[in-house]
Protein backbone atom coordinates (compact mmCIF):
# COMPACT_ATOMS: atom_id res chain seq x y z
CA MET A 1 -7.66 215.89 -29.36
CA LYS A 2 -6.11 214.02 -32.26
CA LYS A 3 -8.09 213.36 -35.44
CA THR A 4 -7.78 210.44 -37.84
CA VAL A 5 -7.42 211.09 -41.55
CA LEU A 6 -11.13 210.24 -41.91
CA TYR A 7 -12.38 212.83 -39.42
CA ASP A 8 -13.88 215.21 -42.01
CA HIS A 9 -15.57 212.31 -43.77
CA HIS A 10 -17.12 211.11 -40.50
CA VAL A 11 -18.55 214.56 -39.92
CA LYS A 12 -19.98 214.71 -43.47
CA LEU A 13 -21.63 211.34 -42.84
CA GLY A 14 -23.32 212.76 -39.75
CA ALA A 15 -21.34 210.85 -37.14
CA ASN A 16 -21.64 211.67 -33.47
CA MET A 17 -18.00 212.34 -32.55
CA VAL A 18 -16.66 211.67 -29.05
CA GLU A 19 -13.32 211.78 -27.26
CA TYR A 20 -11.69 208.34 -27.02
CA ALA A 21 -8.03 207.52 -26.34
CA ASP A 22 -7.02 211.13 -27.10
CA TYR A 23 -8.82 210.98 -30.47
CA LEU A 24 -12.10 212.38 -31.74
CA MET A 25 -13.81 209.21 -32.96
CA PRO A 26 -17.29 208.35 -34.31
CA ILE A 27 -19.43 206.68 -31.63
CA GLN A 28 -22.31 206.18 -34.10
CA TYR A 29 -23.62 207.43 -37.43
CA SER A 30 -27.26 206.35 -37.31
CA ALA A 31 -28.12 204.13 -34.34
CA ILE A 32 -25.82 201.68 -32.56
CA LYS A 33 -28.42 198.93 -32.90
CA GLU A 34 -28.75 199.52 -36.65
CA GLU A 35 -24.98 199.46 -37.17
CA HIS A 36 -24.67 196.37 -34.97
CA HIS A 37 -27.22 194.44 -37.07
CA ALA A 38 -25.51 195.56 -40.30
CA VAL A 39 -22.32 193.80 -39.17
CA ARG A 40 -24.17 190.68 -38.03
CA ASN A 41 -26.18 190.42 -41.28
CA ASP A 42 -24.26 192.20 -44.05
CA ALA A 43 -21.11 194.24 -43.42
CA GLY A 44 -19.90 197.31 -41.59
CA ILE A 45 -16.78 199.41 -41.88
CA PHE A 46 -14.97 200.95 -38.90
CA ASP A 47 -12.27 203.59 -38.72
CA VAL A 48 -9.78 202.10 -36.26
CA SER A 49 -6.86 204.34 -37.17
CA HIS A 50 -6.46 205.21 -33.49
CA MET A 51 -5.03 201.75 -32.76
CA GLY A 52 -1.31 201.52 -31.99
CA GLU A 53 1.32 199.79 -34.12
CA ILE A 54 4.74 198.89 -32.72
CA ALA A 55 7.56 197.16 -34.62
CA VAL A 56 10.14 194.90 -32.97
CA LEU A 57 13.18 194.37 -35.20
CA GLY A 58 16.58 192.72 -34.87
CA LYS A 59 18.43 189.45 -34.50
CA ASP A 60 17.07 188.86 -30.98
CA ALA A 61 13.48 189.75 -31.92
CA THR A 62 12.12 186.21 -31.49
CA ASP A 63 13.87 185.69 -28.13
CA PHE A 64 12.65 189.07 -26.94
CA MET A 65 9.05 188.55 -28.04
CA ASP A 66 9.07 185.10 -26.46
CA MET A 67 9.96 186.72 -23.12
CA ILE A 68 7.40 189.55 -23.13
CA PHE A 69 4.45 187.80 -24.82
CA THR A 70 2.31 185.11 -23.17
CA ASN A 71 1.54 183.06 -26.26
CA ASN A 72 3.87 180.73 -28.15
CA ILE A 73 5.91 183.00 -30.43
CA ARG A 74 8.20 180.13 -31.50
CA SER A 75 5.25 178.26 -32.98
CA MET A 76 4.56 181.07 -35.44
CA THR A 77 5.25 180.92 -39.15
CA ALA A 78 5.68 183.90 -41.47
CA ASN A 79 2.46 185.87 -42.09
CA GLN A 80 0.77 184.36 -39.03
CA ILE A 81 -0.93 186.33 -36.24
CA LEU A 82 -1.22 185.41 -32.55
CA TYR A 83 -3.38 186.89 -29.82
CA GLY A 84 -1.98 187.21 -26.32
CA PHE A 85 -0.88 189.48 -23.49
CA LEU A 86 1.92 191.61 -22.13
CA LEU A 87 2.01 191.10 -18.36
CA TYR A 88 3.43 192.73 -15.28
CA ASP A 89 5.37 190.49 -12.89
CA THR A 90 2.16 190.34 -10.81
CA GLY A 91 0.28 188.62 -13.65
CA GLY A 92 -1.82 191.72 -14.25
CA VAL A 93 -2.20 192.84 -17.86
CA VAL A 94 -0.15 195.61 -19.46
CA ASP A 95 -2.24 195.10 -22.60
CA ASP A 96 -3.78 192.51 -24.86
CA LEU A 97 -2.59 192.61 -28.45
CA LEU A 98 -2.15 190.93 -31.80
CA VAL A 99 1.38 189.97 -32.91
CA TYR A 100 2.01 189.77 -36.66
CA LYS A 101 5.12 187.83 -37.71
CA TYR A 102 6.96 188.84 -40.88
CA ASN A 103 10.05 186.76 -40.07
CA ASP A 104 12.25 185.84 -37.08
CA GLU A 105 13.68 189.36 -36.99
CA HIS A 106 10.53 191.37 -37.66
CA TYR A 107 7.33 191.46 -35.59
CA PHE A 108 4.46 193.94 -35.85
CA LEU A 109 2.38 194.52 -32.70
CA VAL A 110 -1.13 195.98 -32.80
CA VAL A 111 -2.05 197.38 -29.39
CA ASN A 112 -5.00 199.17 -27.84
CA ALA A 113 -5.27 202.85 -28.70
CA ALA A 114 -5.45 204.07 -25.10
CA ASN A 115 -2.37 202.01 -24.18
CA THR A 116 -0.03 202.78 -27.09
CA ASP A 117 2.34 205.15 -25.30
CA LYS A 118 2.35 203.05 -22.12
CA ASP A 119 2.96 199.83 -24.09
CA PHE A 120 5.75 201.37 -26.15
CA ALA A 121 7.55 202.62 -23.03
CA TRP A 122 7.07 199.28 -21.25
CA ILE A 123 8.33 197.22 -24.20
CA LYS A 124 11.41 199.45 -24.61
CA SER A 125 12.13 199.14 -20.88
CA GLN A 126 12.30 195.34 -21.22
CA ALA A 127 14.63 195.40 -24.24
CA GLN A 128 17.88 196.46 -22.53
CA ASN A 129 19.61 193.07 -22.79
CA PHE A 130 18.41 192.19 -26.30
CA ASP A 131 19.72 193.16 -29.73
CA VAL A 132 16.41 194.63 -30.88
CA GLU A 133 14.99 197.93 -32.05
CA VAL A 134 11.52 198.91 -30.82
CA LEU A 135 9.75 201.49 -33.01
CA ASN A 136 6.40 203.21 -32.54
CA LYS A 137 4.95 203.03 -36.07
CA SER A 138 1.52 204.33 -35.11
CA PRO A 139 1.87 207.76 -36.80
CA GLN A 140 2.59 206.05 -40.13
CA TYR A 141 -0.60 203.97 -40.33
CA SER A 142 -4.31 204.39 -40.74
CA GLU A 143 -6.55 201.34 -40.42
CA LEU A 144 -9.99 200.16 -41.47
CA ALA A 145 -11.90 197.15 -40.14
CA LEU A 146 -14.34 195.63 -42.63
CA GLN A 147 -16.54 193.18 -40.73
CA GLY A 148 -19.52 190.96 -41.47
CA PRO A 149 -20.64 187.93 -43.51
CA LYS A 150 -20.45 189.92 -46.77
CA ALA A 151 -17.03 191.43 -46.03
CA GLU A 152 -15.11 188.99 -48.24
CA SER A 153 -17.34 189.37 -51.28
CA MET A 154 -17.29 193.16 -50.97
CA LEU A 155 -13.51 193.42 -50.63
CA GLN A 156 -12.92 190.81 -53.34
CA SER A 157 -14.48 193.11 -55.93
CA HIS A 158 -11.59 195.55 -55.38
CA THR A 159 -8.64 193.16 -55.82
CA ASP A 160 -7.22 190.33 -57.92
CA TYR A 161 -5.90 188.68 -54.74
CA ASP A 162 -7.93 185.56 -53.88
CA LEU A 163 -9.14 186.51 -50.40
CA SER A 164 -10.51 183.00 -49.80
CA THR A 165 -6.87 181.90 -49.43
CA LEU A 166 -6.24 184.40 -46.63
CA ARG A 167 -6.90 182.18 -43.62
CA PHE A 168 -8.12 183.25 -40.19
CA PHE A 169 -5.32 184.89 -38.18
CA THR A 170 -3.01 185.40 -41.17
CA PHE A 171 -2.04 188.50 -43.17
CA ASP A 172 -0.49 189.48 -46.48
CA ASP A 173 0.25 192.42 -48.74
CA VAL A 174 -2.79 193.04 -50.94
CA THR A 175 -3.34 195.50 -53.79
CA LEU A 176 -6.76 197.16 -53.55
CA GLU A 177 -7.81 199.63 -56.25
CA GLY A 178 -4.19 199.86 -57.40
CA ARG A 179 -2.89 200.78 -53.94
CA SER A 180 -0.82 198.59 -51.61
CA PHE A 181 -2.15 197.60 -48.18
CA MET A 182 -1.39 195.07 -45.45
CA VAL A 183 -4.57 193.04 -44.92
CA SER A 184 -5.26 190.63 -42.06
CA ARG A 185 -8.20 188.42 -41.16
CA THR A 186 -8.93 188.45 -37.43
CA GLY A 187 -11.90 190.52 -36.30
CA TYR A 188 -13.22 191.97 -33.06
CA THR A 189 -16.91 191.38 -33.71
CA GLY A 190 -17.53 187.63 -33.82
CA GLU A 191 -17.98 187.88 -37.60
CA ASP A 192 -15.68 187.25 -40.54
CA GLY A 193 -13.74 190.29 -41.59
CA PHE A 194 -10.54 192.07 -42.46
CA GLU A 195 -8.22 194.69 -41.02
CA ILE A 196 -6.69 196.96 -43.66
CA TYR A 197 -3.52 198.90 -42.81
CA GLY A 198 -2.12 201.53 -45.10
CA ASP A 199 -0.82 204.98 -45.83
CA HIS A 200 -3.18 207.72 -44.61
CA THR A 201 -4.01 208.95 -48.12
CA ASP A 202 -4.63 205.43 -49.40
CA ILE A 203 -6.91 204.55 -46.48
CA LYS A 204 -8.92 207.73 -47.04
CA ALA A 205 -9.40 206.87 -50.71
CA LEU A 206 -10.31 203.25 -49.97
CA PHE A 207 -12.87 204.19 -47.28
CA LYS A 208 -14.71 206.43 -49.74
CA THR A 209 -14.52 203.86 -52.55
CA LEU A 210 -15.89 201.03 -50.42
CA LEU A 211 -18.86 203.06 -49.19
CA ILE A 212 -19.71 204.33 -52.68
CA SER A 213 -19.39 200.85 -54.21
CA HIS A 214 -21.52 198.84 -51.77
CA GLU A 215 -25.00 199.95 -50.84
CA ALA A 216 -25.27 197.32 -48.09
CA LEU A 217 -22.03 198.49 -46.42
CA LYS A 218 -22.71 200.67 -43.38
CA PRO A 219 -20.20 202.95 -41.64
CA CYS A 220 -20.06 201.94 -37.97
CA GLY A 221 -18.80 203.67 -34.85
CA LEU A 222 -17.19 202.62 -31.61
CA GLY A 223 -20.60 202.01 -30.01
CA ALA A 224 -21.42 199.07 -32.28
CA ARG A 225 -17.81 197.86 -32.07
CA ASP A 226 -18.29 197.55 -28.30
CA THR A 227 -21.69 195.81 -28.40
CA LEU A 228 -20.42 193.37 -31.03
CA ARG A 229 -17.27 192.37 -29.15
CA PHE A 230 -19.21 192.20 -25.85
CA GLU A 231 -21.74 189.69 -27.20
CA VAL A 232 -18.97 187.23 -28.10
CA ALA A 233 -17.02 187.83 -24.85
CA LEU A 234 -13.98 189.47 -26.44
CA PRO A 235 -12.31 191.46 -23.65
CA LEU A 236 -11.86 195.21 -23.52
CA TYR A 237 -8.84 196.50 -21.62
CA GLY A 238 -9.87 198.18 -18.39
CA HIS A 239 -13.06 196.11 -18.27
CA GLU A 240 -12.59 192.32 -18.57
CA ILE A 241 -8.79 192.54 -18.33
CA SER A 242 -6.64 195.08 -16.50
CA GLU A 243 -3.66 195.55 -14.21
CA THR A 244 -5.67 193.70 -11.55
CA ILE A 245 -7.59 191.17 -13.70
CA THR A 246 -5.40 188.38 -15.10
CA PRO A 247 -5.87 186.45 -18.37
CA LEU A 248 -6.86 183.36 -16.35
CA GLU A 249 -9.61 185.24 -14.51
CA ALA A 250 -10.81 186.61 -17.86
CA GLY A 251 -11.04 183.11 -19.35
CA TYR A 252 -8.13 183.46 -21.76
CA LYS A 253 -5.91 180.60 -20.63
CA PHE A 254 -5.61 179.48 -24.28
CA ALA A 255 -3.47 182.58 -24.98
CA VAL A 256 -1.01 181.72 -22.19
CA ALA A 257 1.70 179.20 -23.15
CA PHE A 258 2.62 177.69 -19.79
CA ASP A 259 4.88 175.19 -21.58
CA LYS A 260 7.31 178.00 -22.49
CA PRO A 261 10.42 178.11 -20.24
CA ALA A 262 9.70 181.68 -19.16
CA PHE A 263 7.79 184.87 -19.86
CA ILE A 264 7.16 187.96 -17.78
CA GLY A 265 4.31 187.21 -15.35
CA LYS A 266 4.50 183.43 -15.75
CA ASP A 267 5.38 182.72 -12.11
CA ALA A 268 2.45 184.80 -10.85
CA LEU A 269 -0.01 183.09 -13.22
CA LEU A 270 1.33 179.65 -12.32
CA LYS A 271 0.85 180.44 -8.63
CA GLN A 272 -2.71 181.62 -9.32
CA LYS A 273 -3.44 178.53 -11.44
CA GLU A 274 -2.08 176.11 -8.85
CA ALA A 275 -3.90 177.80 -5.96
CA GLY A 276 -7.14 177.84 -7.96
CA LEU A 277 -8.95 180.93 -9.21
CA LYS A 278 -10.87 182.88 -6.60
CA ARG A 279 -12.95 184.78 -9.18
CA ARG A 280 -13.60 184.86 -12.91
CA ILE A 281 -15.46 186.67 -15.68
CA VAL A 282 -18.93 185.20 -16.29
CA GLY A 283 -21.99 186.01 -18.35
CA LEU A 284 -25.15 187.25 -16.65
CA GLU A 285 -28.72 187.32 -17.90
CA ILE A 286 -30.78 190.06 -16.26
CA LEU A 287 -34.12 188.54 -15.23
CA ASP A 288 -35.83 191.73 -14.05
CA LYS A 289 -36.64 194.69 -16.27
CA GLY A 290 -33.63 196.97 -16.51
CA ILE A 291 -30.12 197.31 -17.94
CA VAL A 292 -26.95 197.06 -15.88
CA ARG A 293 -23.77 198.97 -16.63
CA GLU A 294 -20.07 198.75 -15.86
CA GLY A 295 -19.36 199.17 -12.16
CA ALA A 296 -22.69 197.86 -10.87
CA GLU A 297 -22.17 195.66 -7.81
CA VAL A 298 -23.17 191.98 -7.85
CA PHE A 299 -24.62 190.34 -4.72
CA LYS A 300 -25.41 186.88 -3.41
CA ASP A 301 -28.08 187.47 -0.79
CA ALA A 302 -26.69 190.52 1.06
CA THR A 303 -23.01 189.85 0.33
CA LYS A 304 -21.16 191.58 -2.50
CA VAL A 305 -19.57 188.91 -4.70
CA GLY A 306 -18.62 190.77 -7.85
CA VAL A 307 -18.83 193.72 -10.21
CA VAL A 308 -20.20 194.21 -13.73
CA THR A 309 -17.45 194.84 -16.30
CA THR A 310 -19.74 195.49 -19.31
CA GLY A 311 -23.53 195.53 -19.64
CA TYR A 312 -25.99 196.22 -22.48
CA LEU A 313 -29.36 195.44 -23.91
CA SER A 314 -27.91 192.99 -26.45
CA PRO A 315 -29.01 193.94 -29.99
CA SER A 316 -28.63 190.35 -31.23
CA LEU A 317 -30.38 188.70 -28.27
CA ASN A 318 -32.83 191.53 -27.56
CA LYS A 319 -32.39 191.10 -23.82
CA ALA A 320 -30.32 192.63 -21.05
CA VAL A 321 -27.07 190.77 -20.41
CA ALA A 322 -23.72 191.53 -18.85
CA LEU A 323 -20.19 190.36 -18.24
CA ALA A 324 -19.10 190.43 -14.61
CA LEU A 325 -16.14 189.51 -12.43
CA VAL A 326 -17.69 187.16 -9.85
CA ASP A 327 -16.20 185.41 -6.82
CA LYS A 328 -16.23 181.63 -6.64
CA PRO A 329 -18.32 179.57 -5.96
CA HIS A 330 -20.99 181.99 -7.23
CA ASP A 331 -19.67 181.74 -10.81
CA LYS A 332 -21.44 178.46 -11.62
CA ARG A 333 -23.99 178.57 -14.45
CA GLY A 334 -27.53 178.88 -13.17
CA THR A 335 -26.51 180.61 -9.94
CA GLU A 336 -29.04 183.32 -9.06
CA LEU A 337 -27.59 186.70 -8.09
CA THR A 338 -28.75 190.30 -7.77
CA ILE A 339 -27.26 193.47 -9.21
CA GLY A 340 -27.50 196.90 -7.66
CA VAL A 341 -28.89 199.51 -10.05
CA ARG A 342 -29.55 202.86 -8.40
CA LYS A 343 -31.77 201.92 -5.46
CA ARG A 344 -33.01 198.66 -6.98
CA LEU A 345 -31.73 195.09 -6.90
CA LEU A 346 -32.26 193.34 -10.23
CA LYS A 347 -32.39 189.56 -10.36
CA ALA A 348 -29.85 187.84 -12.60
CA LYS A 349 -28.46 184.40 -13.28
CA VAL A 350 -25.05 183.20 -14.38
CA ILE A 351 -24.90 182.05 -18.02
CA LYS A 352 -22.19 181.17 -20.56
CA ARG A 353 -19.59 183.92 -20.96
CA LYS A 354 -19.99 183.96 -24.74
CA LEU A 355 -23.43 185.49 -24.87
CA TYR A 356 -24.08 185.21 -28.61
CA ASN A 357 -23.61 182.30 -31.02
CA LYS A 358 -24.58 182.37 -34.69
């Protein structure tokens, strides 16, 4: 198992460490619910150094990225970030990712930790006819995610940079405590927040400084990161999106630029769009007592019509909810369904996919 530069500090803080994406990562420090509420109400800090970073460089970088990425690369300006997908020809998802644009010849891709090696190999395999260099930069970076309504005020006390000018889905070089970092403002929690990329030593020093400086700042693990993203219907690869679940079925049509002349997977998505979706990701409220988990089967009467992709007792809503891939026409809001849990069938109804709104 790999360890991030913060591993020893996580252990000192009492974190419960688990294997994830070939890394030993903190799943929680205190309780997932407590860490979840800290991010919703104050701020939490996550070690996300396991994420992958891939650079695409060269004179054909924009043309290349336009071909492999679903969203509109040519609309981007310097220091802008776009969310989108890498697709197989089938329309299935290689990965979802954030693309950071430095300039027309330099793009920085942030990919899912478990997919880094696969993504890197896939991207390189598509680059044969382009004048580009594809580099796996992951070993050079550590990363923190500072999330929550107090994230800006906390981080502002460590820099002269006016963070209020750093707009949503943009990034810049920022000096924090005399050290240089690349800071973006995206978030995977439904709250305001920042991603901080830097040298391993600098990230280690900043993590300690932030926790010492702010009593209300709570270290958070992957458990709370998952409950937070789940409540606002942000997809997790292998759950709401995968090789067999397309961006359209997941509800992410906005990240697919059909007006582009071409991108890998476009023909398959167009065919799916024109034929009409046969299934899609929906929200479910569990009406009976019980919690449903990933893989639980969804039924209409005695017929299986779907499968749960993620399920929790929502800390923010204090009720059992789920995301599920459900066949049409049983995806309409208000539709009553049942979910198999062990030897029971729990009643549920279809609700809005975004389960939590502030």
